[in-house]
Amino acid sequence: MTIASPLNEEDWTKLTQTLEAFAFAWESSSYPPSIVEFLPEGVAGMRRELVPELIKLDLEHRWQRGLRKLVEDYADDVPDLAAIVSVDLVFEEYQIRRNAGDKVSPTEVFKRFPALARELDGLFRLDPALRSTFMSGEGPAVAIDLSPGETIDDFELLLRLGRGAFATVYLARQRSMQRLVALKVSADKGTEPQTLAQLDHENIIRVYDQRLLPERGVRLLYMQYAAGGTLAEVVHRMKAIPQSEWNGQNYLTAVDAELDDHGETRPSDSAIRRQIAEMSWPQLVCWMGNQLARALHYAHRAGVLHRDIKPANVLITSEGVPKLADFNISFGATLAGASADEGMGGSLAYMSPEHLEA
């Protein structure tokens, strides 16, 4: 059965253009744009489709800048908000807040939107950061809190690169080897080190080794450091220029900006960078897709499934080469005691339909 859309092709074009204009307004101004100026008039179907997407975009930009706002705070700008609020919108707010480091819980969301509680509960059960909470009644494991400048075991912490529900990743100097590494600090659980130890591919982040601190219940996983940031960060920088100017050279400019932020030197002579600089955007996308597909094919042949492919889990080297990382919820078929069910999770926005249905 096919469900007909209330919008025609022209409506969808207008919707897309409005969202792009709103995103550009955010990127090109130091002040938050007024969502009212972008609200549609007339077509009810257009309004039902567009308003939630505008709110999602607005929430994302606000929370990234530390400007706290909740779905119900849009009632003054959107008088018919109550009729438009959906499970999708509420869950998106939750995800945005959590990604921004806000301590938001399903219980809080249920209290704010009791009529949507049952549907929201189903989504929360699919969230990998909360899955153990629903299954065991316990909260997710939280890594110990360390700050740049501190030392733990053989590692001097230089910079916090990222933080998730289960681990924090730092740029660190390994004193015994006098080298820079990406150090993942997490609770001593899971089979990630054994999974990654099987993999040796030019487009997969190489894991050097792990150290366990049993007295603190902590695992230190140290691995290859990719100084160009994540693909998500690089694409975010690209959004500062018109899409018509997206190409290989400007991609490298975005990578270089990440290198500068991390205090890294740009490669002076690189055949790969020269090749990338000549690429159009479609050529670059195809090239990167091919690199990552080769990495996944290699991992699959080794019996390892990643199950959380997304831009934030693709790291970029100083030369602009993509490398797959964060196999934290992978399934390694060759590991004793591992099962495919253990790694059911993933990021909802990037989860395939068959994965979500399972």
Foldseek 3Di string as FASTA:
>chain_A
DDDDQPDDPVLVVLLVVLLLVLLLVLLVDPDRDDVLVSQDPDDPSSNLVRVLVSVLSSLLSCLLVVNDDAQVNCCVSPVCSVVNDDLVSLVSNVVSCVQSVHPDDLVVSCVVPVVCNVVNVLVQCQAPQCVCCVVPVDHGFDFDDDDQQDDDDQWHFHAWQGDDSFWTWTFIARNVVRDTWIKIKGAPDDDVVVLQCLDDDPQAWHWDDKDDDVVVRMIITITHDAQQAFQVQLVVVVSSDDPVPDFLQSSLVSSVVSNVVVVHDADPDDPLSVVSNPGGRVRNVVVQVVSVVVRQVRSVVQQKDQQADDRNQWGAHSSGHTHGHDSRLMFRPPDPPTDPVSSLHYDVVPGDPVSSVD
